[in-house]
């Protein structure tokens, strides 16, 4: 490591060289201090800008929805709200499960089995967003007496998209099945969506 004496250019007066402020250690310290203050200043400015992009408290409150399943009888479906979108919760009957399982997956436009769309051991509970994948309409079939279409699931009368009992697209212009959101069973009679 070079000493201060070695860093002085040849022919320079050592006393005068240091008096003029040419000490390399001092220059390095000033450079490091300036960069550090610039970094702190940038952090003070950037962190509030990034923090303001976080979701607000009212949005976080809507991030999950709890649904009580105890009042939904086999064969019934309810509509509720999840993140300002309709949510369909359906308690499939053994006949509806058998009908969904009988459909060859290779014949489907968006191939998925009922097992892929439900949780293990809870095959009778089908939870989907109630938004048609064609143009975002709300299909019928989640309420009592509503037209469930030719496949017994959901039917979008706007453009004729028909879904089966597993909410898979079977007919019409919709390209995909009704979306299954993330959900977990918190008990035998309660599900948390989101």
N, C-alpha and C. Protein backbone atom coordinates (compact mmCIF):
# COMPACT_ATOMS: atom_id res chain seq x y z
N UNK A 1 0.84 -1.17 0.00
CA UNK A 1 0.00 0.00 0.00
C UNK A 1 0.88 1.23 0.00
N UNK A 2 0.57 2.19 -0.82
CA UNK A 2 1.39 3.40 -0.94
C UNK A 2 1.12 4.32 0.24
N UNK A 3 2.16 4.92 0.76
CA UNK A 3 1.99 5.89 1.84
C UNK A 3 1.70 7.24 1.22
N UNK A 4 1.38 8.22 2.08
CA UNK A 4 1.09 9.56 1.60
C UNK A 4 2.32 10.15 0.94
N UNK A 5 3.47 9.84 1.48
CA UNK A 5 4.71 10.39 0.93
C UNK A 5 4.93 9.88 -0.50
N UNK A 6 4.58 8.60 -0.76
CA UNK A 6 4.79 8.02 -2.09
C UNK A 6 3.79 8.58 -3.10
N UNK A 7 2.63 9.06 -2.62
CA UNK A 7 1.60 9.56 -3.52
C UNK A 7 1.88 10.98 -4.00
N UNK A 8 2.81 11.66 -3.37
CA UNK A 8 3.15 13.02 -3.77
C UNK A 8 3.96 12.96 -5.06
N UNK A 9 3.61 13.77 -6.06
CA UNK A 9 4.35 13.74 -7.33
C UNK A 9 5.80 14.14 -7.12
N UNK A 10 6.71 13.61 -7.95
CA UNK A 10 8.13 13.96 -7.82
C UNK A 10 8.34 15.46 -8.05
N UNK A 11 9.15 16.05 -7.23
CA UNK A 11 9.50 17.46 -7.35
C UNK A 11 8.55 18.39 -6.62
N UNK A 12 7.47 17.86 -6.01
CA UNK A 12 6.52 18.71 -5.28
C UNK A 12 6.97 18.84 -3.84
N UNK A 13 6.71 20.00 -3.25
CA UNK A 13 7.03 20.23 -1.85
C UNK A 13 5.97 19.53 -1.01
N UNK A 14 6.38 18.55 -0.16
CA UNK A 14 5.39 17.78 0.60
C UNK A 14 4.53 18.64 1.50
N UNK A 15 5.08 19.64 2.15
CA UNK A 15 4.31 20.48 3.06
C UNK A 15 3.28 21.29 2.27
N UNK A 16 3.69 21.89 1.19
CA UNK A 16 2.79 22.69 0.40
C UNK A 16 1.73 21.83 -0.31
N UNK A 17 2.10 20.64 -0.73
CA UNK A 17 1.18 19.73 -1.42
C UNK A 17 0.00 19.40 -0.50
N UNK A 18 0.27 19.09 0.77
CA UNK A 18 -0.80 18.78 1.71
C UNK A 18 -1.61 20.01 2.07
N UNK A 19 -0.99 21.19 2.12
CA UNK A 19 -1.70 22.41 2.45
C UNK A 19 -2.70 22.79 1.36
N UNK A 20 -2.42 22.45 0.12
CA UNK A 20 -3.32 22.77 -0.99
C UNK A 20 -4.50 21.81 -1.08
N UNK A 21 -4.57 20.85 -0.20
CA UNK A 21 -5.70 19.91 -0.17
C UNK A 21 -5.56 18.75 -1.12
N UNK A 22 -4.36 18.29 -1.40
CA UNK A 22 -4.17 17.17 -2.32
C UNK A 22 -3.97 15.86 -1.59
N UNK A 23 -4.52 15.73 -0.41
CA UNK A 23 -4.38 14.49 0.35
C UNK A 23 -5.34 13.46 -0.25
N UNK A 24 -4.81 12.37 -0.79
CA UNK A 24 -5.70 11.40 -1.46
C UNK A 24 -6.70 10.75 -0.50
N UNK A 25 -6.34 10.61 0.76
CA UNK A 25 -7.29 10.01 1.70
C UNK A 25 -8.49 10.92 1.92
N UNK A 26 -8.28 12.21 1.98
CA UNK A 26 -9.36 13.16 2.17
C UNK A 26 -10.26 13.20 0.94
N UNK A 27 -9.68 13.16 -0.23
CA UNK A 27 -10.45 13.17 -1.47
C UNK A 27 -11.34 11.92 -1.56
N UNK A 28 -10.80 10.77 -1.21
CA UNK A 28 -11.59 9.55 -1.23
C UNK A 28 -12.76 9.63 -0.25
N UNK A 29 -12.49 10.18 0.95
CA UNK A 29 -13.54 10.31 1.95
C UNK A 29 -14.66 11.22 1.43
N UNK A 30 -14.29 12.33 0.82
CA UNK A 30 -15.29 13.28 0.32
C UNK A 30 -16.12 12.62 -0.79
N UNK A 31 -15.47 11.87 -1.68
CA UNK A 31 -16.20 11.18 -2.75
C UNK A 31 -17.18 10.15 -2.18
N UNK A 32 -16.72 9.38 -1.21
CA UNK A 32 -17.58 8.35 -0.61
C UNK A 32 -18.74 9.01 0.13
N UNK A 33 -18.46 10.08 0.86
CA UNK A 33 -19.52 10.78 1.59
C UNK A 33 -20.54 11.37 0.63
N UNK A 34 -20.11 11.94 -0.46
CA UNK A 34 -21.04 12.53 -1.43
C UNK A 34 -21.94 11.47 -2.06
N UNK A 35 -21.35 10.34 -2.41
CA UNK A 35 -22.14 9.26 -3.01
C UNK A 35 -23.13 8.71 -1.98
N UNK A 36 -22.70 8.58 -0.73
CA UNK A 36 -23.60 8.07 0.31
C UNK A 36 -24.77 9.02 0.52
N UNK A 37 -24.52 10.33 0.59
CA UNK A 37 -25.60 11.29 0.76
C UNK A 37 -26.54 11.29 -0.44
N UNK A 38 -26.00 11.11 -1.62
CA UNK A 38 -26.85 11.03 -2.82
C UNK A 38 -27.75 9.79 -2.76
N UNK A 39 -27.19 8.67 -2.29
CA UNK A 39 -27.99 7.45 -2.15
C UNK A 39 -29.10 7.61 -1.13
N UNK A 40 -28.80 8.23 0.01
CA UNK A 40 -29.82 8.48 1.03
C UNK A 40 -30.89 9.41 0.48
N UNK A 41 -30.48 10.46 -0.22
CA UNK A 41 -31.44 11.39 -0.81
C UNK A 41 -32.35 10.72 -1.82
N UNK A 42 -31.77 9.86 -2.65
CA UNK A 42 -32.59 9.13 -3.64
C UNK A 42 -33.59 8.22 -2.93
N UNK A 43 -33.16 7.55 -1.86
CA UNK A 43 -34.07 6.69 -1.10
C UNK A 43 -35.21 7.47 -0.48
N UNK A 44 -34.91 8.64 0.06
CA UNK A 44 -35.94 9.48 0.68
C UNK A 44 -36.98 9.91 -0.36
N UNK A 45 -36.55 10.14 -1.57
CA UNK A 45 -37.48 10.57 -2.63
C UNK A 45 -38.23 9.39 -3.23
N UNK A 46 -37.56 8.27 -3.49
CA UNK A 46 -38.16 7.15 -4.21
C UNK A 46 -39.08 6.30 -3.34
N UNK A 47 -38.76 6.07 -2.07
CA UNK A 47 -39.58 5.20 -1.23
C UNK A 47 -41.03 5.66 -1.09
N UNK A 48 -41.30 6.94 -0.85
CA UNK A 48 -42.72 7.34 -0.81
C UNK A 48 -43.42 7.16 -2.15
N UNK A 49 -42.72 7.35 -3.25
CA UNK A 49 -43.34 7.15 -4.56
C UNK A 49 -43.71 5.69 -4.78
N UNK A 50 -42.85 4.80 -4.35
CA UNK A 50 -43.15 3.37 -4.49
C UNK A 50 -44.26 2.98 -3.52
N UNK A 51 -44.21 3.48 -2.31
CA UNK A 51 -45.19 3.13 -1.29
C UNK A 51 -46.60 3.57 -1.68
N UNK A 52 -46.75 4.67 -2.39
CA UNK A 52 -48.08 5.13 -2.78
C UNK A 52 -48.72 4.20 -3.80
N UNK A 53 -47.96 3.29 -4.41
CA UNK A 53 -48.52 2.34 -5.36
C UNK A 53 -49.11 1.11 -4.68
N UNK A 54 -48.92 0.94 -3.38
CA UNK A 54 -49.51 -0.18 -2.64
C UNK A 54 -51.02 -0.03 -2.61
N UNK A 55 -51.75 -1.14 -2.53
CA UNK A 55 -53.20 -1.03 -2.48
C UNK A 55 -53.67 -0.36 -1.19
N UNK A 56 -54.77 0.36 -1.30
CA UNK A 56 -55.31 1.06 -0.13
C UNK A 56 -56.03 0.07 0.78
N UNK A 57 -56.40 0.52 1.96
CA UNK A 57 -57.01 -0.35 2.96
C UNK A 57 -58.35 -0.92 2.47
N UNK A 58 -59.14 -0.13 1.75
CA UNK A 58 -60.43 -0.64 1.28
C UNK A 58 -60.25 -1.73 0.22
N UNK A 59 -59.19 -1.62 -0.57
CA UNK A 59 -58.92 -2.67 -1.57
C UNK A 59 -58.44 -3.94 -0.88
N UNK A 60 -57.57 -3.80 0.12
CA UNK A 60 -57.10 -4.97 0.86
C UNK A 60 -58.24 -5.69 1.57
N UNK A 61 -59.24 -4.93 2.03
CA UNK A 61 -60.38 -5.54 2.70
C UNK A 61 -61.20 -6.41 1.74
N UNK A 62 -61.19 -6.07 0.46
CA UNK A 62 -61.93 -6.85 -0.52
C UNK A 62 -61.09 -7.96 -1.14
N UNK A 63 -59.87 -8.13 -0.68
CA UNK A 63 -58.97 -9.09 -1.28
C UNK A 63 -59.41 -10.53 -1.05
N UNK A 64 -60.17 -10.77 0.02
CA UNK A 64 -60.68 -12.11 0.28
C UNK A 64 -62.17 -12.05 0.58
N UNK A 65 -62.84 -13.14 0.34
CA UNK A 65 -64.27 -13.26 0.63
C UNK A 65 -64.50 -14.60 1.32
N UNK A 66 -65.19 -14.58 2.44
CA UNK A 66 -65.58 -15.81 3.13
C UNK A 66 -67.00 -16.17 2.72
N UNK A 67 -67.20 -17.44 2.39
CA UNK A 67 -68.51 -17.91 1.96
C UNK A 67 -68.96 -19.03 2.88
N UNK A 68 -70.18 -18.90 3.41
CA UNK A 68 -70.77 -19.93 4.26
C UNK A 68 -71.46 -20.95 3.36
N UNK A 69 -70.97 -22.17 3.37
CA UNK A 69 -71.50 -23.22 2.50
C UNK A 69 -72.64 -24.00 3.13
N UNK A 70 -72.91 -23.79 4.41
CA UNK A 70 -73.89 -24.61 5.13
C UNK A 70 -75.31 -24.46 4.59
N UNK A 71 -75.62 -23.35 3.95
CA UNK A 71 -76.98 -23.11 3.47
C UNK A 71 -77.17 -23.46 2.00
N UNK A 72 -76.14 -24.02 1.35
CA UNK A 72 -76.24 -24.36 -0.07
C UNK A 72 -76.48 -25.87 -0.18
N UNK A 73 -77.69 -26.24 -0.55
CA UNK A 73 -78.06 -27.66 -0.67
C UNK A 73 -77.49 -28.24 -1.96
N UNK A 74 -77.33 -29.55 -2.03
CA UNK A 74 -76.88 -30.17 -3.28
C UNK A 74 -77.79 -29.78 -4.44
N UNK A 75 -77.17 -29.39 -5.54
CA UNK A 75 -77.91 -28.96 -6.72
C UNK A 75 -78.15 -27.46 -6.76
N UNK A 76 -77.86 -26.76 -5.67
CA UNK A 76 -78.06 -25.32 -5.63
C UNK A 76 -76.77 -24.58 -5.93
N UNK A 77 -76.93 -23.34 -6.38
CA UNK A 77 -75.80 -22.45 -6.63
C UNK A 77 -76.17 -21.07 -6.10
N UNK A 78 -75.18 -20.34 -5.62
CA UNK A 78 -75.42 -18.98 -5.17
C UNK A 78 -74.48 -18.04 -5.91
N UNK A 79 -74.87 -16.77 -5.92
CA UNK A 79 -74.01 -15.71 -6.46
C UNK A 79 -73.59 -14.85 -5.27
N UNK A 80 -72.32 -14.51 -5.22
CA UNK A 80 -71.82 -13.57 -4.23
C UNK A 80 -70.82 -12.66 -4.94
N UNK A 81 -70.14 -11.83 -4.20
CA UNK A 81 -69.21 -10.88 -4.80
C UNK A 81 -67.80 -11.16 -4.31
N UNK A 82 -66.86 -11.16 -5.24
CA UNK A 82 -65.44 -11.30 -4.92
C UNK A 82 -64.67 -10.29 -5.76
N UNK A 83 -64.03 -9.33 -5.10
CA UNK A 83 -63.28 -8.26 -5.78
C UNK A 83 -64.12 -7.56 -6.84
N UNK A 84 -65.33 -7.25 -6.45
CA UNK A 84 -66.29 -6.53 -7.29
C UNK A 84 -66.70 -7.30 -8.54
N UNK A 85 -66.54 -8.61 -8.52
CA UNK A 85 -66.98 -9.46 -9.62
C UNK A 85 -67.90 -10.54 -9.06
N UNK A 86 -68.85 -11.02 -9.87
CA UNK A 86 -69.72 -12.09 -9.38
C UNK A 86 -68.93 -13.38 -9.18
N UNK A 87 -69.28 -14.07 -8.12
CA UNK A 87 -68.65 -15.36 -7.79
C UNK A 87 -69.76 -16.39 -7.69
N UNK A 88 -69.63 -17.49 -8.42
CA UNK A 88 -70.60 -18.57 -8.38
C UNK A 88 -70.06 -19.68 -7.49
N UNK A 89 -70.88 -20.10 -6.52
CA UNK A 89 -70.53 -21.22 -5.65
C UNK A 89 -71.64 -22.25 -5.82
N UNK A 90 -71.26 -23.43 -6.25
CA UNK A 90 -72.25 -24.45 -6.60
C UNK A 90 -71.95 -25.76 -5.88
N UNK A 91 -73.00 -26.34 -5.29
CA UNK A 91 -72.90 -27.64 -4.63
C UNK A 91 -73.43 -28.68 -5.61
N UNK A 92 -72.53 -29.37 -6.28
CA UNK A 92 -72.91 -30.32 -7.32
C UNK A 92 -73.52 -31.58 -6.72
N UNK A 93 -74.54 -32.10 -7.39
CA UNK A 93 -75.14 -33.37 -6.99
C UNK A 93 -74.30 -34.51 -7.55
N UNK A 94 -74.45 -35.72 -7.02
CA UNK A 94 -73.73 -36.86 -7.61
C UNK A 94 -74.02 -37.04 -9.10
N UNK A 95 -75.24 -36.73 -9.53
CA UNK A 95 -75.59 -36.84 -10.96
C UNK A 95 -74.82 -35.81 -11.78
N UNK A 96 -74.69 -34.58 -11.27
CA UNK A 96 -73.94 -33.54 -11.99
C UNK A 96 -72.45 -33.88 -12.05
N UNK A 97 -71.93 -34.47 -10.98
CA UNK A 97 -70.52 -34.89 -10.97
C UNK A 97 -70.31 -35.98 -12.00
N UNK A 98 -71.22 -36.95 -12.04
CA UNK A 98 -71.11 -38.05 -13.01
C UNK A 98 -71.22 -37.52 -14.44
N UNK A 99 -72.10 -36.56 -14.65
CA UNK A 99 -72.27 -35.97 -15.98
C UNK A 99 -70.99 -35.26 -16.42
N UNK A 100 -70.37 -34.53 -15.50
CA UNK A 100 -69.12 -33.83 -15.82
C UNK A 100 -67.99 -34.81 -16.08
N UNK A 101 -67.93 -35.89 -15.30
CA UNK A 101 -66.87 -36.88 -15.48
C UNK A 101 -67.04 -37.70 -16.75
N UNK A 102 -68.27 -37.79 -17.27
CA UNK A 102 -68.54 -38.60 -18.46
C UNK A 102 -68.10 -37.90 -19.75
N UNK A 103 -67.84 -36.60 -19.69
CA UNK A 103 -67.45 -35.85 -20.89
C UNK A 103 -65.98 -36.15 -21.21
N UNK A 104 -65.67 -36.60 -22.43
CA UNK A 104 -64.26 -36.81 -22.80
C UNK A 104 -63.52 -35.47 -22.81
N UNK A 105 -62.45 -35.41 -22.06
CA UNK A 105 -61.69 -34.16 -21.93
C UNK A 105 -61.14 -33.72 -23.28
N UNK A 106 -60.81 -34.66 -24.13
CA UNK A 106 -60.26 -34.31 -25.45
C UNK A 106 -61.28 -33.58 -26.33
N UNK A 107 -62.57 -33.68 -26.01
CA UNK A 107 -63.60 -33.02 -26.81
C UNK A 107 -63.84 -31.57 -26.36
N UNK A 108 -63.19 -31.15 -25.30
CA UNK A 108 -63.41 -29.81 -24.76
C UNK A 108 -62.49 -28.78 -25.40
N UNK A 109 -63.00 -27.58 -25.57
CA UNK A 109 -62.21 -26.47 -26.12
C UNK A 109 -61.08 -26.08 -25.17
N UNK A 110 -61.37 -26.05 -23.88
CA UNK A 110 -60.40 -25.75 -22.84
C UNK A 110 -60.36 -26.98 -21.92
N UNK A 111 -59.54 -27.97 -22.26
CA UNK A 111 -59.62 -29.27 -21.58
C UNK A 111 -59.18 -29.22 -20.11
N UNK A 112 -60.15 -29.48 -19.23
CA UNK A 112 -59.91 -29.61 -17.79
C UNK A 112 -60.91 -30.61 -17.24
N UNK A 113 -60.46 -31.40 -16.30
CA UNK A 113 -61.37 -32.32 -15.63
C UNK A 113 -62.02 -31.60 -14.45
N UNK A 114 -63.08 -32.19 -13.92
CA UNK A 114 -63.72 -31.62 -12.73
C UNK A 114 -62.74 -31.64 -11.55
N UNK A 115 -61.90 -32.67 -11.47
CA UNK A 115 -60.91 -32.75 -10.39
C UNK A 115 -59.92 -31.59 -10.44
N UNK A 116 -59.57 -31.14 -11.64
CA UNK A 116 -58.66 -30.01 -11.78
C UNK A 116 -59.31 -28.69 -11.39
N UNK A 117 -60.62 -28.65 -11.40
CA UNK A 117 -61.35 -27.42 -11.12
C UNK A 117 -61.89 -27.36 -9.68
N UNK A 118 -61.69 -28.42 -8.91
CA UNK A 118 -62.16 -28.47 -7.52
C UNK A 118 -61.01 -28.92 -6.62
N UNK A 119 -61.24 -28.86 -5.32
CA UNK A 119 -60.23 -29.29 -4.35
C UNK A 119 -60.38 -30.77 -4.05
N UNK A 120 -59.26 -31.46 -3.73
CA UNK A 120 -59.33 -32.89 -3.40
C UNK A 120 -60.27 -33.13 -2.21
N UNK A 121 -61.14 -34.11 -2.37
CA UNK A 121 -62.09 -34.45 -1.32
C UNK A 121 -63.30 -33.53 -1.27
N UNK A 122 -63.32 -32.50 -2.08
CA UNK A 122 -64.44 -31.53 -2.11
C UNK A 122 -64.93 -31.38 -3.55
N UNK A 123 -65.03 -32.48 -4.24
CA UNK A 123 -65.38 -32.47 -5.65
C UNK A 123 -66.77 -31.88 -5.92
N UNK A 124 -67.63 -31.89 -4.91
CA UNK A 124 -68.97 -31.37 -5.10
C UNK A 124 -69.03 -29.85 -5.05
N UNK A 125 -67.98 -29.18 -4.57
CA UNK A 125 -67.99 -27.72 -4.47
C UNK A 125 -67.24 -27.10 -5.65
N UNK A 126 -68.00 -26.47 -6.54
CA UNK A 126 -67.43 -25.80 -7.70
C UNK A 126 -67.52 -24.29 -7.47
N UNK A 127 -66.37 -23.64 -7.45
CA UNK A 127 -66.31 -22.20 -7.18
C UNK A 127 -65.64 -21.54 -8.38
N UNK A 128 -66.37 -20.67 -9.06
CA UNK A 128 -65.85 -19.99 -10.25
C UNK A 128 -66.25 -18.52 -10.24
N UNK A 129 -65.49 -17.72 -10.98
CA UNK A 129 -65.91 -16.34 -11.20
C UNK A 129 -67.07 -16.37 -12.19
N UNK A 130 -68.06 -15.55 -11.96
CA UNK A 130 -69.23 -15.50 -12.82
C UNK A 130 -69.07 -14.50 -13.94
N UNK A 131 -67.97 -14.62 -14.68
CA UNK A 131 -67.69 -13.71 -15.78
C UNK A 131 -67.43 -14.55 -17.03
N UNK A 132 -68.28 -14.37 -18.03
CA UNK A 132 -68.11 -15.11 -19.28
C UNK A 132 -66.77 -14.74 -19.90
N UNK A 133 -66.05 -15.73 -20.38
CA UNK A 133 -64.71 -15.50 -20.93
C UNK A 133 -64.74 -14.95 -22.35
N UNK A 134 -65.93 -14.72 -22.88
CA UNK A 134 -66.03 -14.14 -24.21
C UNK A 134 -65.91 -12.62 -24.14
N UNK A 135 -66.91 -11.97 -23.54
CA UNK A 135 -66.88 -10.50 -23.46
C UNK A 135 -67.16 -9.98 -22.05
N UNK A 136 -67.09 -10.85 -21.05
CA UNK A 136 -67.24 -10.40 -19.67
C UNK A 136 -68.67 -10.26 -19.18
N UNK A 137 -69.63 -10.87 -19.85
CA UNK A 137 -71.01 -10.85 -19.38
C UNK A 137 -71.14 -11.76 -18.16
N UNK A 138 -72.27 -11.68 -17.47
CA UNK A 138 -72.53 -12.56 -16.33
C UNK A 138 -73.49 -13.65 -16.78
N UNK A 139 -73.03 -14.89 -16.84
CA UNK A 139 -73.90 -15.98 -17.28
C UNK A 139 -75.03 -16.26 -16.29
N UNK A 140 -76.09 -16.86 -16.79
CA UNK A 140 -77.20 -17.31 -15.95
C UNK A 140 -76.91 -18.72 -15.46
N UNK A 141 -77.67 -19.14 -14.45
CA UNK A 141 -77.55 -20.51 -13.97
C UNK A 141 -77.12 -20.63 -12.54
N UNK A 142 -76.82 -19.52 -11.90
CA UNK A 142 -76.39 -19.59 -10.51
C UNK A 142 -77.53 -19.28 -9.55
N UNK A 143 -78.70 -19.01 -10.05
CA UNK A 143 -79.84 -18.71 -9.18
C UNK A 143 -80.96 -19.70 -9.41
N UNK A 144 -81.87 -19.76 -8.47
CA UNK A 144 -82.98 -20.69 -8.57
C UNK A 144 -83.87 -20.33 -9.74
N UNK A 145 -84.19 -21.31 -10.57
CA UNK A 145 -85.07 -21.11 -11.70
C UNK A 145 -84.41 -20.47 -12.92
N UNK A 146 -83.12 -20.20 -12.86
CA UNK A 146 -82.44 -19.59 -14.01
C UNK A 146 -82.15 -20.63 -15.08
N UNK A 147 -82.08 -20.16 -16.32
CA UNK A 147 -81.76 -21.01 -17.46
C UNK A 147 -80.32 -21.47 -17.35
N UNK A 148 -80.12 -22.77 -17.22
CA UNK A 148 -78.77 -23.31 -17.11
C UNK A 148 -78.21 -23.76 -18.45
N UNK A 149 -78.93 -23.54 -19.50
CA UNK A 149 -78.43 -23.87 -20.82
C UNK A 149 -78.52 -25.34 -21.16
N UNK A 150 -78.07 -25.72 -22.35
CA UNK A 150 -78.22 -27.09 -22.83
C UNK A 150 -77.33 -28.11 -22.10
N UNK A 151 -76.35 -27.66 -21.34
CA UNK A 151 -75.44 -28.59 -20.68
C UNK A 151 -75.60 -28.59 -19.16
N UNK A 152 -76.63 -27.91 -18.67
CA UNK A 152 -76.95 -27.94 -17.25
C UNK A 152 -76.05 -27.14 -16.35
N UNK A 153 -75.17 -26.32 -16.92
CA UNK A 153 -74.25 -25.54 -16.10
C UNK A 153 -74.65 -24.08 -16.06
N UNK A 154 -74.00 -23.28 -16.89
CA UNK A 154 -74.27 -21.85 -16.97
C UNK A 154 -74.51 -21.49 -18.43
N UNK A 155 -75.28 -20.43 -18.64
CA UNK A 155 -75.60 -20.03 -19.99
C UNK A 155 -75.52 -18.51 -20.09
N UNK A 156 -74.77 -18.01 -21.07
CA UNK A 156 -74.64 -16.57 -21.30
C UNK A 156 -75.56 -16.21 -22.47
N UNK A 157 -76.71 -15.60 -22.20
CA UNK A 157 -77.66 -15.31 -23.28
C UNK A 157 -77.20 -14.21 -24.23
N UNK A 158 -76.22 -13.43 -23.86
CA UNK A 158 -75.76 -12.34 -24.72
C UNK A 158 -75.24 -12.86 -26.06
N UNK A 159 -74.41 -13.89 -26.02
CA UNK A 159 -73.81 -14.42 -27.25
C UNK A 159 -73.93 -15.93 -27.38
N UNK A 160 -74.62 -16.57 -26.45
CA UNK A 160 -74.90 -17.99 -26.58
C UNK A 160 -73.84 -18.94 -26.07
N UNK A 161 -72.95 -18.48 -25.21
CA UNK A 161 -71.95 -19.39 -24.64
C UNK A 161 -72.61 -20.27 -23.59
N UNK A 162 -72.40 -21.58 -23.71
CA UNK A 162 -73.00 -22.54 -22.78
C UNK A 162 -71.89 -23.32 -22.08
N UNK A 163 -72.03 -23.44 -20.77
CA UNK A 163 -71.04 -24.13 -19.93
C UNK A 163 -71.71 -25.35 -19.30
N UNK A 164 -70.92 -26.40 -19.06
CA UNK A 164 -71.49 -27.61 -18.46
C UNK A 164 -71.49 -27.51 -16.94
N UNK A 165 -71.80 -28.63 -16.26
CA UNK A 165 -71.92 -28.62 -14.81
C UNK A 165 -70.60 -28.35 -14.11
N UNK A 166 -69.48 -28.48 -14.81
CA UNK A 166 -68.17 -28.16 -14.25
C UNK A 166 -67.71 -26.77 -14.69
N UNK A 167 -68.62 -25.96 -15.25
CA UNK A 167 -68.35 -24.60 -15.73
C UNK A 167 -67.30 -24.58 -16.83
N UNK A 168 -67.30 -25.64 -17.66
CA UNK A 168 -66.39 -25.70 -18.81
C UNK A 168 -67.15 -25.29 -20.06
N UNK A 169 -66.50 -24.54 -20.93
CA UNK A 169 -67.16 -24.07 -22.14
C UNK A 169 -67.44 -25.26 -23.06
N UNK A 170 -68.69 -25.34 -23.53
CA UNK A 170 -69.08 -26.44 -24.41
C UNK A 170 -69.63 -25.95 -25.74
N UNK A 171 -70.15 -24.72 -25.77
CA UNK A 171 -70.77 -24.22 -27.00
C UNK A 171 -70.74 -22.70 -26.97
N UNK A 172 -70.60 -22.09 -28.14
CA UNK A 172 -70.63 -20.63 -28.22
C UNK A 172 -69.24 -20.04 -28.40
N UNK A 173 -69.15 -18.72 -28.41
CA UNK A 173 -67.89 -18.05 -28.75
C UNK A 173 -66.86 -17.97 -27.61
N UNK A 174 -67.23 -18.25 -26.37
CA UNK A 174 -66.27 -18.12 -25.27
C UNK A 174 -65.09 -19.06 -25.48
N UNK A 175 -63.86 -18.56 -25.33
CA UNK A 175 -62.69 -19.39 -25.60
C UNK A 175 -62.25 -20.27 -24.43
N UNK A 176 -62.59 -19.87 -23.20
CA UNK A 176 -62.08 -20.57 -22.02
C UNK A 176 -63.21 -20.92 -21.05
N UNK A 177 -62.90 -21.83 -20.14
CA UNK A 177 -63.82 -22.18 -19.06
C UNK A 177 -63.96 -20.98 -18.11
N UNK A 178 -65.01 -20.99 -17.29
CA UNK A 178 -65.13 -19.96 -16.26
C UNK A 178 -63.93 -20.11 -15.32
N UNK A 179 -63.35 -18.99 -14.95
CA UNK A 179 -62.11 -18.99 -14.15
C UNK A 179 -62.38 -19.46 -12.72
N UNK A 180 -61.50 -20.33 -12.22
CA UNK A 180 -61.55 -20.79 -10.83
C UNK A 180 -60.54 -19.97 -10.04
N UNK A 181 -61.01 -19.14 -9.09
CA UNK A 181 -60.06 -18.34 -8.31
C UNK A 181 -59.37 -19.20 -7.25
N UNK A 182 -58.33 -18.65 -6.64
CA UNK A 182 -57.68 -19.34 -5.52
C UNK A 182 -58.64 -19.34 -4.33
N UNK A 183 -58.77 -20.49 -3.70
CA UNK A 183 -59.62 -20.57 -2.51
C UNK A 183 -59.14 -21.72 -1.63
N UNK A 184 -59.49 -21.62 -0.35
CA UNK A 184 -59.15 -22.67 0.61
C UNK A 184 -60.35 -22.89 1.52
N UNK A 185 -60.51 -24.13 1.95
CA UNK A 185 -61.56 -24.45 2.91
C UNK A 185 -61.00 -24.19 4.30
N UNK A 186 -61.63 -23.27 5.03
CA UNK A 186 -61.19 -22.98 6.40
C UNK A 186 -61.90 -23.89 7.39
N UNK A 187 -63.03 -24.47 6.98
CA UNK A 187 -63.73 -25.50 7.77
C UNK A 187 -64.58 -26.29 6.78
N UNK A 188 -65.36 -27.24 7.29
CA UNK A 188 -66.22 -28.02 6.39
C UNK A 188 -67.32 -27.19 5.78
N UNK A 189 -67.66 -26.07 6.42
CA UNK A 189 -68.78 -25.26 5.93
C UNK A 189 -68.38 -23.84 5.53
N UNK A 190 -67.08 -23.55 5.51
CA UNK A 190 -66.64 -22.20 5.15
C UNK A 190 -65.47 -22.27 4.19
N UNK A 191 -65.51 -21.41 3.19
CA UNK A 191 -64.42 -21.32 2.22
C UNK A 191 -63.97 -19.86 2.14
N UNK A 192 -62.66 -19.68 2.07
CA UNK A 192 -62.08 -18.34 1.91
C UNK A 192 -61.56 -18.23 0.48
N UNK A 193 -62.12 -17.29 -0.27
CA UNK A 193 -61.74 -17.07 -1.66
C UNK A 193 -60.77 -15.90 -1.70
N UNK A 194 -59.65 -16.11 -2.38
CA UNK A 194 -58.65 -15.05 -2.50
C UNK A 194 -57.40 -15.32 -1.69
